[in-house]
Protein backbone atom coordinates (compact mmCIF):
# COMPACT_ATOMS: atom_id res chain seq x y z
CA UNK A 1 77.57 90.30 103.43
CA UNK A 2 78.44 91.19 99.78
CA UNK A 3 76.14 94.04 99.80
CA UNK A 4 77.57 95.61 102.85
CA UNK A 5 81.46 95.13 101.61
CA UNK A 6 80.40 96.69 98.45
CA UNK A 7 78.88 99.31 100.65
CA UNK A 8 81.91 100.24 102.18
CA UNK A 9 83.52 100.74 98.71
CA UNK A 10 80.63 102.95 97.54
CA UNK A 11 80.92 105.19 100.71
CA UNK A 12 84.48 105.55 100.76
CA UNK A 13 84.52 106.22 96.82
CA UNK A 14 81.46 108.52 96.87
CA UNK A 15 79.67 106.45 94.12
CA UNK A 16 76.44 104.47 93.95
CA UNK A 17 76.43 101.01 95.06
CA UNK A 18 74.92 99.82 92.10
CA UNK A 19 77.99 100.83 90.16
CA UNK A 20 80.45 98.35 91.90
CA UNK A 21 80.73 94.72 91.17
CA UNK A 22 82.71 91.89 92.38
CA UNK A 23 84.68 91.88 88.87
CA UNK A 24 85.99 95.41 89.29
CA UNK A 25 89.63 95.61 89.80
CA UNK A 26 90.82 97.86 92.68
CA UNK A 27 93.40 99.81 90.63
CA UNK A 28 91.16 100.21 87.83
CA UNK A 29 88.46 101.91 90.32
CA UNK A 30 91.20 104.19 91.37
CA UNK A 31 91.55 102.89 94.81
CA UNK A 32 94.78 103.82 96.41
CA UNK A 33 96.47 101.56 98.98
CA UNK A 34 95.64 104.06 101.67
CA UNK A 35 91.94 103.94 100.81
CA UNK A 36 92.11 100.04 100.62
CA UNK A 37 93.71 100.02 103.88
CA UNK A 38 91.24 102.40 105.46
CA UNK A 39 88.25 100.16 104.12
CA UNK A 40 89.85 97.20 105.17
CA UNK A 41 90.23 98.43 108.61
CA UNK A 42 86.66 99.65 108.63
CA UNK A 43 85.39 95.97 107.69
CA UNK A 44 87.73 94.42 110.26
CA UNK A 45 86.07 96.38 112.68
CA UNK A 46 82.56 96.02 111.59
CA UNK A 47 82.61 92.18 111.13
CA UNK A 48 85.11 91.50 114.12
CA UNK A 49 87.86 89.92 111.79
CA UNK A 50 91.34 90.72 111.09
CA UNK A 51 93.46 90.42 107.97
CA UNK A 52 97.38 89.95 107.77
CA UNK A 53 99.54 92.10 105.66
CA UNK A 54 100.01 89.25 103.41
CA UNK A 55 96.09 88.81 102.91
CA UNK A 56 95.73 92.77 102.19
CA UNK A 57 98.35 92.58 99.51
CA UNK A 58 96.64 89.61 97.62
CA UNK A 59 93.39 91.75 97.09
CA UNK A 60 93.03 92.74 93.27
CA UNK A 61 89.06 92.84 92.79
CA UNK A 62 86.21 93.85 94.95
CA UNK A 63 85.34 90.05 94.77
CA UNK A 64 88.48 89.13 96.38
CA UNK A 65 87.63 91.29 99.25
CA UNK A 66 83.92 89.80 99.26
CA UNK A 67 85.29 86.15 99.49
CA UNK A 68 87.84 86.94 102.16
CA UNK A 69 85.46 88.62 104.27
CA UNK A 70 83.01 85.67 103.97
CA UNK A 71 85.49 83.23 104.83
CA UNK A 72 86.92 84.84 107.74
CA UNK A 73 83.21 85.61 109.23
CA UNK A 74 82.38 82.00 108.42
CA UNK A 75 85.30 80.54 110.01
CA UNK A 76 84.98 82.62 113.15
CA UNK A 77 81.31 81.85 113.41
CA UNK A 78 80.15 85.36 113.39
CA UNK A 79 77.08 86.03 111.65
CA UNK A 80 76.72 90.04 111.31
CA UNK A 81 75.59 91.04 108.03
């Protein structure tokens, strides 16, 4: 799942997936709020999950999003990777 989430970042930011890690700070990567929203919507559709505005506003690092996606998928009993 981690690789898929990082893949969303790589695709949106047009950079190699190997250059993205969980410790990277979203604003430090140049991710705008609009880009983040777009990526999260794509992830919600792909994984069949949904984030609240509050959750969306709490994401600081790539790892925050990876953890949130994993928790949502596990809690909802979904296994798509």
